[in-house]
PDB file of N, CA and C in Angstrom:
ATOM      1  N   MET A   1     -21.607 -33.315  45.888  1.00  0.00           N
ATOM      2  CA  MET A   1     -21.965 -32.087  45.192  1.00  0.00           C
ATOM      3  C   MET A   1     -20.732 -31.460  44.537  1.00  0.00           C
ATOM      4  N   LYS A   2     -19.640 -31.425  45.286  1.00  0.00           N
ATOM      5  CA  LYS A   2     -18.423 -30.815  44.758  1.00  0.00           C
ATOM      6  C   LYS A   2     -17.876 -31.614  43.578  1.00  0.00           C
ATOM      7  N   ASN A   3     -17.971 -32.950  43.651  1.00  0.00           N
ATOM      8  CA  ASN A   3     -17.493 -33.785  42.551  1.00  0.00           C
ATOM      9  C   ASN A   3     -18.345 -33.607  41.296  1.00  0.00           C
ATOM     10  N   LYS A   4     -19.661 -33.426  41.477  1.00  0.00           N
ATOM     11  CA  LYS A   4     -20.525 -33.217  40.312  1.00  0.00           C
ATOM     12  C   LYS A   4     -20.192 -31.899  39.623  1.00  0.00           C
ATOM     13  N   LEU A   5     -19.930 -30.859  40.409  1.00  0.00           N
ATOM     14  CA  LEU A   5     -19.567 -29.572  39.828  1.00  0.00           C
ATOM     15  C   LEU A   5     -18.248 -29.681  39.076  1.00  0.00           C
ATOM     16  N   LYS A   6     -17.300 -30.386  39.669  1.00  0.00           N
ATOM     17  CA  LYS A   6     -16.009 -30.585  39.009  1.00  0.00           C
ATOM     18  C   LYS A   6     -16.193 -31.355  37.704  1.00  0.00           C
ATOM     19  N   THR A   7     -17.044 -32.357  37.717  1.00  0.00           N
ATOM     20  CA  THR A   7     -17.301 -33.147  36.515  1.00  0.00           C
ATOM     21  C   THR A   7     -17.914 -32.286  35.417  1.00  0.00           C
ATOM     22  N   TYR A   8     -18.901 -31.470  35.772  1.00  0.00           N
ATOM     23  CA  TYR A   8     -19.522 -30.607  34.768  1.00  0.00           C
ATOM     24  C   TYR A   8     -18.519 -29.619  34.184  1.00  0.00           C
ATOM     25  N   LEU A   9     -17.684 -29.043  35.027  1.00  0.00           N
ATOM     26  CA  LEU A   9     -16.693 -28.088  34.539  1.00  0.00           C
ATOM     27  C   LEU A   9     -15.651 -28.762  33.662  1.00  0.00           C
ATOM     28  N   LEU A  10     -15.279 -29.998  34.012  1.00  0.00           N
ATOM     29  CA  LEU A  10     -14.299 -30.715  33.199  1.00  0.00           C
ATOM     30  C   LEU A  10     -14.824 -30.999  31.799  1.00  0.00           C
ATOM     31  N   TRP A  11     -16.130 -31.225  31.677  1.00  0.00           N
ATOM     32  CA  TRP A  11     -16.700 -31.519  30.364  1.00  0.00           C
ATOM     33  C   TRP A  11     -17.149 -30.257  29.633  1.00  0.00           C
ATOM     34  N   LEU A  12     -17.400 -29.169  30.368  1.00  0.00           N
ATOM     35  CA  LEU A  12     -17.906 -27.955  29.748  1.00  0.00           C
ATOM     36  C   LEU A  12     -16.845 -27.230  28.922  1.00  0.00           C
ATOM     37  N   MET A  13     -15.639 -27.118  29.432  1.00  0.00           N
ATOM     38  CA  MET A  13     -14.595 -26.385  28.714  1.00  0.00           C
ATOM     39  C   MET A  13     -14.224 -27.049  27.387  1.00  0.00           C
ATOM     40  N   PRO A  14     -13.976 -28.362  27.344  1.00  0.00           N
ATOM     41  CA  PRO A  14     -13.679 -28.958  26.034  1.00  0.00           C
ATOM     42  C   PRO A  14     -14.847 -28.841  25.051  1.00  0.00           C
ATOM     43  N   ALA A  15     -16.070 -28.878  25.565  1.00  0.00           N
ATOM     44  CA  ALA A  15     -17.227 -28.721  24.681  1.00  0.00           C
ATOM     45  C   ALA A  15     -17.241 -27.319  24.070  1.00  0.00           C
ATOM     46  N   PHE A  16     -16.866 -26.324  24.858  1.00  0.00           N
ATOM     47  CA  PHE A  16     -16.771 -24.960  24.342  1.00  0.00           C
ATOM     48  C   PHE A  16     -15.702 -24.868  23.256  1.00  0.00           C
ATOM     49  N   TYR A  17     -14.545 -25.483  23.492  1.00  0.00           N
ATOM     50  CA  TYR A  17     -13.480 -25.476  22.486  1.00  0.00           C
ATOM     51  C   TYR A  17     -13.928 -26.197  21.212  1.00  0.00           C
ATOM     52  N   LEU A  18     -14.695 -27.261  21.374  1.00  0.00           N
ATOM     53  CA  LEU A  18     -15.192 -28.004  20.217  1.00  0.00           C
ATOM     54  C   LEU A  18     -16.155 -27.147  19.391  1.00  0.00           C
ATOM     55  N   LEU A  19     -17.019 -26.397  20.069  1.00  0.00           N
ATOM     56  CA  LEU A  19     -17.920 -25.492  19.354  1.00  0.00           C
ATOM     57  C   LEU A  19     -17.149 -24.384  18.645  1.00  0.00           C
ATOM     58  N   ALA A  20     -16.127 -23.860  19.308  1.00  0.00           N
ATOM     59  CA  ALA A  20     -15.314 -22.812  18.684  1.00  0.00           C
ATOM     60  C   ALA A  20     -14.591 -23.343  17.453  1.00  0.00           C
ATOM     61  N   SER A  21     -14.091 -24.572  17.539  1.00  0.00           N
ATOM     62  CA  SER A  21     -13.396 -25.133  16.375  1.00  0.00           C
ATOM     63  C   SER A  21     -14.377 -25.383  15.228  1.00  0.00           C
ATOM     64  N   ALA A  22     -15.599 -25.807  15.543  1.00  0.00           N
ATOM     65  CA  ALA A  22     -16.602 -26.003  14.493  1.00  0.00           C
ATOM     66  C   ALA A  22     -16.941 -24.674  13.819  1.00  0.00           C
ATOM     67  N   PHE A  23     -17.033 -23.612  14.606  1.00  0.00           N
ATOM     68  CA  PHE A  23     -17.295 -22.292  14.031  1.00  0.00           C
ATOM     69  C   PHE A  23     -16.151 -21.860  13.122  1.00  0.00           C
ATOM     70  N   LEU A  24     -14.915 -22.055  13.572  1.00  0.00           N
ATOM     71  CA  LEU A  24     -13.772 -21.667  12.748  1.00  0.00           C
ATOM     72  C   LEU A  24     -13.701 -22.495  11.471  1.00  0.00           C
ATOM     73  N   PHE A  25     -14.019 -23.796  11.570  1.00  0.00           N
ATOM     74  CA  PHE A  25     -14.046 -24.635  10.370  1.00  0.00           C
ATOM     75  C   PHE A  25     -15.095 -24.128   9.379  1.00  0.00           C
ATOM     76  N   SER A  26     -16.273 -23.791   9.884  1.00  0.00           N
ATOM     77  CA  SER A  26     -17.327 -23.327   8.976  1.00  0.00           C
ATOM     78  C   SER A  26     -16.946 -22.002   8.326  1.00  0.00           C
ATOM     79  N   GLN A  27     -16.308 -21.122   9.079  1.00  0.00           N
ATOM     80  CA  GLN A  27     -15.858 -19.857   8.501  1.00  0.00           C
ATOM     81  C   GLN A  27     -14.743 -20.080   7.487  1.00  0.00           C
ATOM     82  N   GLY A  28     -13.856 -21.016   7.782  1.00  0.00           N
ATOM     83  CA  GLY A  28     -12.754 -21.296   6.869  1.00  0.00           C
ATOM     84  C   GLY A  28     -13.213 -21.975   5.598  1.00  0.00           C
ATOM     85  N   LEU A  29     -14.232 -22.823   5.702  1.00  0.00           N
ATOM     86  CA  LEU A  29     -14.727 -23.519   4.515  1.00  0.00           C
ATOM     87  C   LEU A  29     -15.582 -22.615   3.638  1.00  0.00           C
ATOM     88  N   SER A  30     -16.261 -21.644   4.259  1.00  0.00           N
ATOM     89  CA  SER A  30     -17.084 -20.748   3.449  1.00  0.00           C
ATOM     90  C   SER A  30     -16.224 -19.747   2.683  1.00  0.00           C
ATOM     91  N   ASN A  31     -15.046 -19.467   3.197  1.00  0.00           N
ATOM     92  CA  ASN A  31     -14.145 -18.536   2.521  1.00  0.00           C
ATOM     93  C   ASN A  31     -12.765 -19.183   2.502  1.00  0.00           C
ATOM     94  N   LEU A  32     -12.492 -19.941   1.465  1.00  0.00           N
ATOM     95  CA  LEU A  32     -11.273 -20.750   1.432  1.00  0.00           C
ATOM     96  C   LEU A  32      -9.993 -19.930   1.368  1.00  0.00           C
ATOM     97  N   SER A  33     -10.090 -18.636   1.075  1.00  0.00           N
ATOM     98  CA  SER A  33      -8.880 -17.825   1.063  1.00  0.00           C
ATOM     99  C   SER A  33      -8.378 -17.566   2.485  1.00  0.00           C
ATOM    100  N   LYS A  34      -9.232 -17.793   3.456  1.00  0.00           N
ATOM    101  CA  LYS A  34      -8.819 -17.591   4.848  1.00  0.00           C
ATOM    102  C   LYS A  34      -8.460 -18.938   5.457  1.00  0.00           C
ATOM    103  N   SER A  35      -7.293 -19.417   5.135  1.00  0.00           N
ATOM    104  CA  SER A  35      -6.867 -20.717   5.653  1.00  0.00           C
ATOM    105  C   SER A  35      -6.485 -20.632   7.125  1.00  0.00           C
ATOM    106  N   GLN A  36      -6.347 -19.415   7.652  1.00  0.00           N
ATOM    107  CA  GLN A  36      -6.032 -19.257   9.077  1.00  0.00           C
ATOM    108  C   GLN A  36      -7.142 -19.857   9.933  1.00  0.00           C
ATOM    109  N   ASN A  37      -8.391 -19.698   9.496  1.00  0.00           N
ATOM    110  CA  ASN A  37      -9.506 -20.259  10.260  1.00  0.00           C
ATOM    111  C   ASN A  37      -9.440 -21.778  10.298  1.00  0.00           C
ATOM    112  N   LEU A  38      -9.040 -22.385   9.191  1.00  0.00           N
ATOM    113  CA  LEU A  38      -8.916 -23.847   9.170  1.00  0.00           C
ATOM    114  C   LEU A  38      -7.790 -24.305  10.089  1.00  0.00           C
ATOM    115  N   ILE A  39      -6.691 -23.567  10.089  1.00  0.00           N
ATOM    116  CA  ILE A  39      -5.561 -23.929  10.955  1.00  0.00           C
ATOM    117  C   ILE A  39      -5.946 -23.768  12.416  1.00  0.00           C
ATOM    118  N   LEU A  40      -6.562 -22.632  12.763  1.00  0.00           N
ATOM    119  CA  LEU A  40      -6.987 -22.422  14.151  1.00  0.00           C
ATOM    120  C   LEU A  40      -8.056 -23.434  14.562  1.00  0.00           C
ATOM    121  N   GLY A  41      -8.960 -23.759  13.651  1.00  0.00           N
ATOM    122  CA  GLY A  41      -9.983 -24.761  13.940  1.00  0.00           C
ATOM    123  C   GLY A  41      -9.374 -26.122  14.207  1.00  0.00           C
ATOM    124  N   THR A  42      -8.347 -26.479  13.436  1.00  0.00           N
ATOM    125  CA  THR A  42      -7.666 -27.758  13.643  1.00  0.00           C
ATOM    126  C   THR A  42      -6.959 -27.791  14.988  1.00  0.00           C
ATOM    127  N   ILE A  43      -6.300 -26.700  15.328  1.00  0.00           N
ATOM    128  CA  ILE A  43      -5.604 -26.628  16.619  1.00  0.00           C
ATOM    129  C   ILE A  43      -6.602 -26.736  17.762  1.00  0.00           C
ATOM    130  N   LEU A  44      -7.709 -25.999  17.672  1.00  0.00           N
ATOM    131  CA  LEU A  44      -8.725 -26.071  18.727  1.00  0.00           C
ATOM    132  C   LEU A  44      -9.372 -27.444  18.805  1.00  0.00           C
ATOM    133  N   LEU A  45      -9.572 -28.086  17.664  1.00  0.00           N
ATOM    134  CA  LEU A  45     -10.143 -29.431  17.658  1.00  0.00           C
ATOM    135  C   LEU A  45      -9.220 -30.408  18.373  1.00  0.00           C
ATOM    136  N   LEU A  46      -7.941 -30.362  18.058  1.00  0.00           N
ATOM    137  CA  LEU A  46      -6.985 -31.253  18.720  1.00  0.00           C
ATOM    138  C   LEU A  46      -6.901 -30.957  20.214  1.00  0.00           C
ATOM    139  N   TYR A  47      -6.915 -29.676  20.565  1.00  0.00           N
ATOM    140  CA  TYR A  47      -6.855 -29.306  21.978  1.00  0.00           C
ATOM    141  C   TYR A  47      -8.108 -29.763  22.718  1.00  0.00           C
ATOM    142  N   SER A  48      -9.275 -29.631  22.091  1.00  0.00           N
ATOM    143  CA  SER A  48     -10.500 -30.061  22.766  1.00  0.00           C
ATOM    144  C   SER A  48     -10.529 -31.573  22.944  1.00  0.00           C
ATOM    145  N   LEU A  49     -10.028 -32.323  21.954  1.00  0.00           N
ATOM    146  CA  LEU A  49      -9.956 -33.778  22.114  1.00  0.00           C
ATOM    147  C   LEU A  49      -9.007 -34.153  23.244  1.00  0.00           C
ATOM    148  N   PHE A  50      -7.896 -33.434  23.350  1.00  0.00           N
ATOM    149  CA  PHE A  50      -6.959 -33.665  24.446  1.00  0.00           C
ATOM    150  C   PHE A  50      -7.613 -33.367  25.790  1.00  0.00           C
ATOM    151  N   ARG A  51      -8.377 -32.274  25.874  1.00  0.00           N
ATOM    152  CA  ARG A  51      -9.041 -31.922  27.134  1.00  0.00           C
ATOM    153  C   ARG A  51     -10.142 -32.931  27.480  1.00  0.00           C
ATOM    154  N   PHE A  52     -10.867 -33.447  26.478  1.00  0.00           N
ATOM    155  CA  PHE A  52     -11.852 -34.496  26.747  1.00  0.00           C
ATOM    156  C   PHE A  52     -11.167 -35.740  27.306  1.00  0.00           C
ATOM    157  N   TYR A  53     -10.022 -36.092  26.741  1.00  0.00           N
ATOM    158  CA  TYR A  53      -9.267 -37.246  27.236  1.00  0.00           C
ATOM    159  C   TYR A  53      -8.835 -37.018  28.679  1.00  0.00           C
ATOM    160  N   ARG A  54      -8.328 -35.827  28.980  1.00  0.00           N
ATOM    161  CA  ARG A  54      -7.898 -35.524  30.348  1.00  0.00           C
ATOM    162  C   ARG A  54      -9.075 -35.542  31.321  1.00  0.00           C
ATOM    163  N   ALA A  55     -10.227 -35.027  30.904  1.00  0.00           N
ATOM    164  CA  ALA A  55     -11.411 -35.029  31.757  1.00  0.00           C
ATOM    165  C   ALA A  55     -11.866 -36.456  32.024  1.00  0.00           C
ATOM    166  N   PHE A  56     -11.901 -37.283  30.983  1.00  0.00           N
ATOM    167  CA  PHE A  56     -12.307 -38.673  31.144  1.00  0.00           C
ATOM    168  C   PHE A  56     -11.346 -39.408  32.071  1.00  0.00           C
ATOM    169  N   LYS A  57     -10.055 -39.172  31.891  1.00  0.00           N
ATOM    170  CA  LYS A  57      -9.048 -39.817  32.726  1.00  0.00           C
ATOM    171  C   LYS A  57      -9.174 -39.365  34.185  1.00  0.00           C
ATOM    172  N   SER A  58      -9.426 -38.083  34.398  1.00  0.00           N
ATOM    173  CA  SER A  58      -9.574 -37.550  35.747  1.00  0.00           C
ATOM    174  C   SER A  58     -10.811 -38.120  36.434  1.00  0.00           C
ATOM    175  N   ILE A  59     -11.900 -38.236  35.711  1.00  0.00           N
ATOM    176  CA  ILE A  59     -13.133 -38.775  36.290  1.00  0.00           C
ATOM    177  C   ILE A  59     -12.953 -40.246  36.643  1.00  0.00           C
ATOM    178  N   ARG A  60     -12.259 -40.988  35.792  1.00  0.00           N
ATOM    179  CA  ARG A  60     -12.028 -42.413  36.076  1.00  0.00           C
ATOM    180  C   ARG A  60     -11.167 -42.588  37.321  1.00  0.00           C
ATOM    181  N   THR A  61     -10.146 -41.746  37.511  1.00  0.00           N
ATOM    182  CA  THR A  61      -9.309 -41.877  38.711  1.00  0.00           C
ATOM    183  C   THR A  61     -10.087 -41.469  39.950  1.00  0.00           C
ATOM    184  N   ASP A  62     -10.993 -40.475  39.823  1.00  0.00           N
ATOM    185  CA  ASP A  62     -11.834 -40.100  40.959  1.00  0.00           C
ATOM    186  C   ASP A  62     -12.763 -41.243  41.343  1.00  0.00           C
ATOM    187  N   GLU A  63     -13.307 -41.959  40.354  1.00  0.00           N
ATOM    188  CA  GLU A  63     -14.191 -43.090  40.638  1.00  0.00           C
ATOM    189  C   GLU A  63     -13.424 -44.220  41.310  1.00  0.00           C
ATOM    190  N   LYS A  64     -12.184 -44.434  40.906  1.00  0.00           N
ATOM    191  CA  LYS A  64     -11.382 -45.491  41.524  1.00  0.00           C
ATOM    192  C   LYS A  64     -11.089 -45.166  42.982  1.00  0.00           C
ATOM    193  N   GLU A  65     -10.840 -43.877  43.292  1.00  0.00           N
ATOM    194  CA  GLU A  65     -10.578 -43.488  44.672  1.00  0.00           C
ATOM    195  C   GLU A  65     -11.813 -43.676  45.537  1.00  0.00           C
ATOM    196  N   VAL A  66     -12.996 -43.409  44.978  1.00  0.00           N
ATOM    197  CA  VAL A  66     -14.238 -43.582  45.727  1.00  0.00           C
ATOM    198  C   VAL A  66     -14.494 -45.061  45.979  1.00  0.00           C
ATOM    199  N   ASP A  67     -14.184 -45.914  44.998  1.00  0.00           N
ATOM    200  CA  ASP A  67     -14.403 -47.348  45.145  1.00  0.00           C
ATOM    201  C   ASP A  67     -13.496 -47.970  46.197  1.00  0.00           C
ATOM    202  N   ASP A  68     -12.293 -47.429  46.365  1.00  0.00           N
ATOM    203  CA  ASP A  68     -11.352 -48.003  47.344  1.00  0.00           C
ATOM    204  C   ASP A  68     -11.769 -47.805  48.748  1.00  0.00           C
TER     205      ASP A  68
END
């Protein structure tokens, strides 16, 4: 039960960052004079991809420990 909760939380936060970056991209594209939204969206997109990678890596190491 505890591992499932940890897994959901590990995937939930990067998904939130991904949604926030999509919102910032849409705001930046609708008003091109606000390039700050595009920059912040890019930063959040890269950060969310990094967090997805960390979550995937953490889950794989947890599975290896259970298998041992």
